[in-house]
Amino acid sequence: MNFQACQDYCLRNCSCTAFTTAYFRRGSGCVTWSGDLLDTRVFTDVGQDIYIRVDAETLGALISSFCYLLQT
């Protein structure tokens, strides 16, 4: 499953809190989380990104806090 298909799958599922594409020797797949981010792993040989869903209000508050910290 490619990135776009994995993202679409997560966005259609209201309980999906995060997703990533996983690359294996025999292909690729989609890993999703519902609830807490449990059972995460570190892949040191290749870069892997995890995409975490947050609501707009929470994201706005985080960005405002970060900008405030940069100004001080």
PDB file of N, CA and C in Angstrom:
ATOM      1  N   MET A   1       0.854  -1.171   0.000  1.00  0.00           N
ATOM      2  CA  MET A   1       0.000   0.000   0.000  1.00  0.00           C
ATOM      3  C   MET A   1       0.901   1.235   0.000  1.00  0.00           C
ATOM      4  N   ASN A   2       0.639   2.165  -0.892  1.00  0.00           N
ATOM      5  CA  ASN A   2       1.462   3.370  -0.952  1.00  0.00           C
ATOM      6  C   ASN A   2       1.005   4.399   0.084  1.00  0.00           C
ATOM      7  N   PHE A   3       1.750   5.507   0.171  1.00  0.00           N
ATOM      8  CA  PHE A   3       1.470   6.531   1.179  1.00  0.00           C
ATOM      9  C   PHE A   3       0.058   7.082   1.046  1.00  0.00           C
ATOM     10  N   GLN A   4      -0.344   7.452  -0.165  1.00  0.00           N
ATOM     11  CA  GLN A   4      -1.652   8.074  -0.366  1.00  0.00           C
ATOM     12  C   GLN A   4      -2.784   7.139   0.048  1.00  0.00           C
ATOM     13  N   ALA A   5      -2.676   5.870  -0.292  1.00  0.00           N
ATOM     14  CA  ALA A   5      -3.705   4.895   0.087  1.00  0.00           C
ATOM     15  C   ALA A   5      -3.750   4.722   1.603  1.00  0.00           C
ATOM     16  N   CYS A   6      -2.594   4.725   2.237  1.00  0.00           N
ATOM     17  CA  CYS A   6      -2.526   4.594   3.696  1.00  0.00           C
ATOM     18  C   CYS A   6      -3.143   5.820   4.371  1.00  0.00           C
ATOM     19  N   GLN A   7      -2.827   7.009   3.871  1.00  0.00           N
ATOM     20  CA  GLN A   7      -3.393   8.238   4.416  1.00  0.00           C
ATOM     21  C   GLN A   7      -4.912   8.248   4.248  1.00  0.00           C
ATOM     22  N   ASP A   8      -5.392   7.900   3.077  1.00  0.00           N
ATOM     23  CA  ASP A   8      -6.836   7.862   2.832  1.00  0.00           C
ATOM     24  C   ASP A   8      -7.525   6.881   3.767  1.00  0.00           C
ATOM     25  N   TYR A   9      -6.903   5.729   3.969  1.00  0.00           N
ATOM     26  CA  TYR A   9      -7.468   4.718   4.860  1.00  0.00           C
ATOM     27  C   TYR A   9      -7.605   5.268   6.279  1.00  0.00           C
ATOM     28  N   CYS A  10      -6.571   5.949   6.766  1.00  0.00           N
ATOM     29  CA  CYS A  10      -6.602   6.503   8.122  1.00  0.00           C
ATOM     30  C   CYS A  10      -7.624   7.630   8.238  1.00  0.00           C
ATOM     31  N   LEU A  11      -7.679   8.507   7.247  1.00  0.00           N
ATOM     32  CA  LEU A  11      -8.597   9.642   7.312  1.00  0.00           C
ATOM     33  C   LEU A  11     -10.061   9.213   7.237  1.00  0.00           C
ATOM     34  N   ARG A  12     -10.335   8.068   6.636  1.00  0.00           N
ATOM     35  CA  ARG A  12     -11.709   7.557   6.584  1.00  0.00           C
ATOM     36  C   ARG A  12     -12.127   6.880   7.881  1.00  0.00           C
ATOM     37  N   ASN A  13     -11.166   6.561   8.738  1.00  0.00           N
ATOM     38  CA  ASN A  13     -11.433   5.847   9.980  1.00  0.00           C
ATOM     39  C   ASN A  13     -11.332   6.836  11.144  1.00  0.00           C
ATOM     40  N   CYS A  14     -12.454   7.155  11.760  1.00  0.00           N
ATOM     41  CA  CYS A  14     -12.474   8.166  12.832  1.00  0.00           C
ATOM     42  C   CYS A  14     -11.623   7.781  14.038  1.00  0.00           C
ATOM     43  N   SER A  15     -11.395   6.504  14.267  1.00  0.00           N
ATOM     44  CA  SER A  15     -10.610   6.090  15.429  1.00  0.00           C
ATOM     45  C   SER A  15      -9.108   6.031  15.136  1.00  0.00           C
ATOM     46  N   CYS A  16      -8.710   6.260  13.898  1.00  0.00           N
ATOM     47  CA  CYS A  16      -7.289   6.239  13.536  1.00  0.00           C
ATOM     48  C   CYS A  16      -6.618   7.494  14.088  1.00  0.00           C
ATOM     49  N   THR A  17      -5.591   7.319  14.911  1.00  0.00           N
ATOM     50  CA  THR A  17      -4.888   8.457  15.505  1.00  0.00           C
ATOM     51  C   THR A  17      -3.535   8.720  14.846  1.00  0.00           C
ATOM     52  N   ALA A  18      -2.986   7.729  14.141  1.00  0.00           N
ATOM     53  CA  ALA A  18      -1.693   7.899  13.479  1.00  0.00           C
ATOM     54  C   ALA A  18      -1.526   6.819  12.422  1.00  0.00           C
ATOM     55  N   PHE A  19      -0.627   7.089  11.476  1.00  0.00           N
ATOM     56  CA  PHE A  19      -0.347   6.084  10.452  1.00  0.00           C
ATOM     57  C   PHE A  19       1.060   6.261   9.918  1.00  0.00           C
ATOM     58  N   THR A  20       1.559   5.223   9.300  1.00  0.00           N
ATOM     59  CA  THR A  20       2.835   5.263   8.602  1.00  0.00           C
ATOM     60  C   THR A  20       2.834   4.182   7.540  1.00  0.00           C
ATOM     61  N   THR A  21       3.643   4.368   6.535  1.00  0.00           N
ATOM     62  CA  THR A  21       3.858   3.295   5.580  1.00  0.00           C
ATOM     63  C   THR A  21       5.091   2.534   6.042  1.00  0.00           C
ATOM     64  N   ALA A  22       5.036   1.242   5.919  1.00  0.00           N
ATOM     65  CA  ALA A  22       6.142   0.398   6.363  1.00  0.00           C
ATOM     66  C   ALA A  22       6.701  -0.339   5.155  1.00  0.00           C
ATOM     67  N   TYR A  23       7.997  -0.290   5.001  1.00  0.00           N
ATOM     68  CA  TYR A  23       8.646  -0.945   3.875  1.00  0.00           C
ATOM     69  C   TYR A  23       9.346  -2.207   4.360  1.00  0.00           C
ATOM     70  N   PHE A  24       9.029  -3.301   3.700  1.00  0.00           N
ATOM     71  CA  PHE A  24       9.596  -4.598   4.040  1.00  0.00           C
ATOM     72  C   PHE A  24      10.367  -5.117   2.834  1.00  0.00           C
ATOM     73  N   ARG A  25      11.084  -6.175   3.013  1.00  0.00           N
ATOM     74  CA  ARG A  25      11.850  -6.760   1.912  1.00  0.00           C
ATOM     75  C   ARG A  25      10.954  -7.203   0.761  1.00  0.00           C
ATOM     76  N   ARG A  26       9.751  -7.595   1.069  1.00  0.00           N
ATOM     77  CA  ARG A  26       8.854  -8.113   0.029  1.00  0.00           C
ATOM     78  C   ARG A  26       7.750  -7.131  -0.349  1.00  0.00           C
ATOM     79  N   GLY A  27       7.902  -5.868  -0.022  1.00  0.00           N
ATOM     80  CA  GLY A  27       6.883  -4.896  -0.393  1.00  0.00           C
ATOM     81  C   GLY A  27       6.682  -3.847   0.682  1.00  0.00           C
ATOM     82  N   SER A  28       5.498  -3.277   0.703  1.00  0.00           N
ATOM     83  CA  SER A  28       5.201  -2.236   1.678  1.00  0.00           C
ATOM     84  C   SER A  28       3.805  -2.445   2.233  1.00  0.00           C
ATOM     85  N   GLY A  29       3.518  -1.764   3.321  1.00  0.00           N
ATOM     86  CA  GLY A  29       2.217  -1.888   3.955  1.00  0.00           C
ATOM     87  C   GLY A  29       1.867  -0.620   4.697  1.00  0.00           C
ATOM     88  N   CYS A  30       0.733  -0.646   5.337  1.00  0.00           N
ATOM     89  CA  CYS A  30       0.222   0.502   6.071  1.00  0.00           C
ATOM     90  C   CYS A  30       0.053   0.090   7.530  1.00  0.00           C
ATOM     91  N   VAL A  31       0.620   0.874   8.434  1.00  0.00           N
ATOM     92  CA  VAL A  31       0.474   0.622   9.863  1.00  0.00           C
ATOM     93  C   VAL A  31      -0.342   1.769  10.433  1.00  0.00           C
ATOM     94  N   THR A  32      -1.419   1.445  11.147  1.00  0.00           N
ATOM     95  CA  THR A  32      -2.260   2.479  11.752  1.00  0.00           C
ATOM     96  C   THR A  32      -2.371   2.232  13.247  1.00  0.00           C
ATOM     97  N   TRP A  33      -2.649   3.296  13.973  1.00  0.00           N
ATOM     98  CA  TRP A  33      -2.874   3.218  15.409  1.00  0.00           C
ATOM     99  C   TRP A  33      -4.247   3.788  15.716  1.00  0.00           C
ATOM    100  N   SER A  34      -4.883   3.220  16.709  1.00  0.00           N
ATOM    101  CA  SER A  34      -6.137   3.742  17.249  1.00  0.00           C
ATOM    102  C   SER A  34      -5.918   3.945  18.735  1.00  0.00           C
ATOM    103  N   GLY A  35      -6.117   5.160  19.217  1.00  0.00           N
ATOM    104  CA  GLY A  35      -5.856   5.440  20.623  1.00  0.00           C
ATOM    105  C   GLY A  35      -4.398   5.792  20.828  1.00  0.00           C
ATOM    106  N   ASP A  36      -3.816   5.266  21.897  1.00  0.00           N
ATOM    107  CA  ASP A  36      -2.420   5.566  22.239  1.00  0.00           C
ATOM    108  C   ASP A  36      -1.458   4.950  21.230  1.00  0.00           C
ATOM    109  N   LEU A  37      -0.307   5.589  21.083  1.00  0.00           N
ATOM    110  CA  LEU A  37       0.714   5.088  20.160  1.00  0.00           C
ATOM    111  C   LEU A  37       1.558   4.031  20.858  1.00  0.00           C
ATOM    112  N   LEU A  38       1.045   2.833  20.896  1.00  0.00           N
ATOM    113  CA  LEU A  38       1.748   1.715  21.512  1.00  0.00           C
ATOM    114  C   LEU A  38       2.435   0.890  20.437  1.00  0.00           C
ATOM    115  N   ASP A  39       3.467   0.191  20.809  1.00  0.00           N
ATOM    116  CA  ASP A  39       4.191  -0.712  19.925  1.00  0.00           C
ATOM    117  C   ASP A  39       4.839   0.023  18.754  1.00  0.00           C
ATOM    118  N   THR A  40       5.456   1.163  19.039  1.00  0.00           N
ATOM    119  CA  THR A  40       6.220   1.850  17.999  1.00  0.00           C
ATOM    120  C   THR A  40       7.642   1.312  18.021  1.00  0.00           C
ATOM    121  N   ARG A  41       8.303   1.381  16.897  1.00  0.00           N
ATOM    122  CA  ARG A  41       9.660   0.854  16.784  1.00  0.00           C
ATOM    123  C   ARG A  41      10.548   1.873  16.098  1.00  0.00           C
ATOM    124  N   VAL A  42      11.846   1.708  16.255  1.00  0.00           N
ATOM    125  CA  VAL A  42      12.819   2.562  15.589  1.00  0.00           C
ATOM    126  C   VAL A  42      13.457   1.753  14.466  1.00  0.00           C
ATOM    127  N   PHE A  43      13.386   2.290  13.260  1.00  0.00           N
ATOM    128  CA  PHE A  43      14.037   1.666  12.121  1.00  0.00           C
ATOM    129  C   PHE A  43      15.240   2.520  11.774  1.00  0.00           C
ATOM    130  N   THR A  44      16.432   2.020  12.073  1.00  0.00           N
ATOM    131  CA  THR A  44      17.635   2.829  11.907  1.00  0.00           C
ATOM    132  C   THR A  44      18.187   2.783  10.489  1.00  0.00           C
ATOM    133  N   ASP A  45      17.841   1.761   9.714  1.00  0.00           N
ATOM    134  CA  ASP A  45      18.445   1.643   8.390  1.00  0.00           C
ATOM    135  C   ASP A  45      17.774   2.529   7.346  1.00  0.00           C
ATOM    136  N   VAL A  46      16.515   2.860   7.523  1.00  0.00           N
ATOM    137  CA  VAL A  46      15.818   3.747   6.587  1.00  0.00           C
ATOM    138  C   VAL A  46      14.969   4.729   7.375  1.00  0.00           C
ATOM    139  N   GLY A  47      14.791   5.905   6.836  1.00  0.00           N
ATOM    140  CA  GLY A  47      13.951   6.899   7.502  1.00  0.00           C
ATOM    141  C   GLY A  47      12.479   6.528   7.407  1.00  0.00           C
ATOM    142  N   GLN A  48      11.786   6.571   8.493  1.00  0.00           N
ATOM    143  CA  GLN A  48      10.356   6.291   8.528  1.00  0.00           C
ATOM    144  C   GLN A  48       9.677   7.460   9.217  1.00  0.00           C
ATOM    145  N   ASP A  49       8.620   7.951   8.639  1.00  0.00           N
ATOM    146  CA  ASP A  49       7.856   9.050   9.217  1.00  0.00           C
ATOM    147  C   ASP A  49       6.547   8.514   9.762  1.00  0.00           C
ATOM    148  N   ILE A  50       6.104   9.094  10.869  1.00  0.00           N
ATOM    149  CA  ILE A  50       4.803   8.753  11.431  1.00  0.00           C
ATOM    150  C   ILE A  50       3.952  10.019  11.377  1.00  0.00           C
ATOM    151  N   TYR A  51       2.733   9.871  10.940  1.00  0.00           N
ATOM    152  CA  TYR A  51       1.812  10.996  10.790  1.00  0.00           C
ATOM    153  C   TYR A  51       0.744  10.874  11.862  1.00  0.00           C
ATOM    154  N   ILE A  52       0.664  11.888  12.721  1.00  0.00           N
ATOM    155  CA  ILE A  52      -0.245  11.870  13.866  1.00  0.00           C
ATOM    156  C   ILE A  52      -1.379  12.846  13.607  1.00  0.00           C
ATOM    157  N   ARG A  53      -2.599  12.352  13.765  1.00  0.00           N
ATOM    158  CA  ARG A  53      -3.772  13.196  13.558  1.00  0.00           C
ATOM    159  C   ARG A  53      -4.074  13.982  14.827  1.00  0.00           C
ATOM    160  N   VAL A  54      -4.254  15.280  14.677  1.00  0.00           N
ATOM    161  CA  VAL A  54      -4.682  16.138  15.784  1.00  0.00           C
ATOM    162  C   VAL A  54      -5.765  17.069  15.256  1.00  0.00           C
ATOM    163  N   ASP A  55      -6.648  17.504  16.136  1.00  0.00           N
ATOM    164  CA  ASP A  55      -7.686  18.425  15.695  1.00  0.00           C
ATOM    165  C   ASP A  55      -7.093  19.820  15.521  1.00  0.00           C
ATOM    166  N   ALA A  56      -7.780  20.659  14.761  1.00  0.00           N
ATOM    167  CA  ALA A  56      -7.265  21.985  14.411  1.00  0.00           C
ATOM    168  C   ALA A  56      -7.038  22.859  15.636  1.00  0.00           C
ATOM    169  N   GLU A  57      -7.908  22.760  16.629  1.00  0.00           N
ATOM    170  CA  GLU A  57      -7.769  23.588  17.831  1.00  0.00           C
ATOM    171  C   GLU A  57      -6.492  23.240  18.594  1.00  0.00           C
ATOM    172  N   THR A  58      -6.232  21.958  18.763  1.00  0.00           N
ATOM    173  CA  THR A  58      -5.020  21.510  19.454  1.00  0.00           C
ATOM    174  C   THR A  58      -3.777  21.919  18.672  1.00  0.00           C
ATOM    175  N   LEU A  59      -3.812  21.747  17.368  1.00  0.00           N
ATOM    176  CA  LEU A  59      -2.670  22.114  16.540  1.00  0.00           C
ATOM    177  C   LEU A  59      -2.397  23.612  16.621  1.00  0.00           C
ATOM    178  N   GLY A  60      -3.447  24.423  16.586  1.00  0.00           N
ATOM    179  CA  GLY A  60      -3.281  25.870  16.705  1.00  0.00           C
ATOM    180  C   GLY A  60      -2.651  26.268  18.024  1.00  0.00           C
ATOM    181  N   ALA A  61      -3.074  25.621  19.112  1.00  0.00           N
ATOM    182  CA  ALA A  61      -2.509  25.917  20.427  1.00  0.00           C
ATOM    183  C   ALA A  61      -1.032  25.530  20.484  1.00  0.00           C
ATOM    184  N   LEU A  62      -0.679  24.399  19.893  1.00  0.00           N
ATOM    185  CA  LEU A  62       0.721  23.968  19.880  1.00  0.00           C
ATOM    186  C   LEU A  62       1.589  24.933  19.083  1.00  0.00           C
ATOM    187  N   ILE A  63       1.090  25.371  17.944  1.00  0.00           N
ATOM    188  CA  ILE A  63       1.852  26.309  17.114  1.00  0.00           C
ATOM    189  C   ILE A  63       2.029  27.641  17.836  1.00  0.00           C
ATOM    190  N   SER A  64       0.967  28.130  18.477  1.00  0.00           N
ATOM    191  CA  SER A  64       1.064  29.388  19.226  1.00  0.00           C
ATOM    192  C   SER A  64       2.083  29.286  20.353  1.00  0.00           C
ATOM    193  N   SER A  65       2.073  28.170  21.076  1.00  0.00           N
ATOM    194  CA  SER A  65       3.032  27.969  22.165  1.00  0.00           C
ATOM    195  C   SER A  65       4.455  27.930  21.638  1.00  0.00           C
ATOM    196  N   PHE A  66       4.652  27.245  20.525  1.00  0.00           N
ATOM    197  CA  PHE A  66       5.980  27.139  19.936  1.00  0.00           C
ATOM    198  C   PHE A  66       6.477  28.510  19.486  1.00  0.00           C
ATOM    199  N   CYS A  67       5.616  29.287  18.834  1.00  0.00           N
ATOM    200  CA  CYS A  67       6.000  30.634  18.381  1.00  0.00           C
ATOM    201  C   CYS A  67       6.338  31.530  19.567  1.00  0.00           C
ATOM    202  N   TYR A  68       5.588  31.402  20.648  1.00  0.00           N
ATOM    203  CA  TYR A  68       5.861  32.186  21.854  1.00  0.00           C
ATOM    204  C   TYR A  68       7.241  31.844  22.406  1.00  0.00           C
ATOM    205  N   LEU A  69       7.563  30.548  22.433  1.00  0.00           N
ATOM    206  CA  LEU A  69       8.870  30.131  22.942  1.00  0.00           C
ATOM    207  C   LEU A  69      10.002  30.666  22.075  1.00  0.00           C
ATOM    208  N   LEU A  70       9.788  30.741  20.779  1.00  0.00           N
ATOM    209  CA  LEU A  70      10.826  31.257  19.885  1.00  0.00           C
ATOM    210  C   LEU A  70      11.071  32.746  20.093  1.00  0.00           C
ATOM    211  N   GLN A  71      10.032  33.465  20.509  1.00  0.00           N
ATOM    212  CA  GLN A  71      10.159  34.908  20.699  1.00  0.00           C
ATOM    213  C   GLN A  71      10.849  35.265  22.009  1.00  0.00           C
ATOM    214  N   THR A  72      10.881  34.349  22.961  1.00  0.00           N
ATOM    215  CA  THR A  72      11.475  34.654  24.267  1.00  0.00           C
ATOM    216  C   THR A  72      12.935  34.310  24.319  1.00  0.00           C
TER     217      THR A  72
END
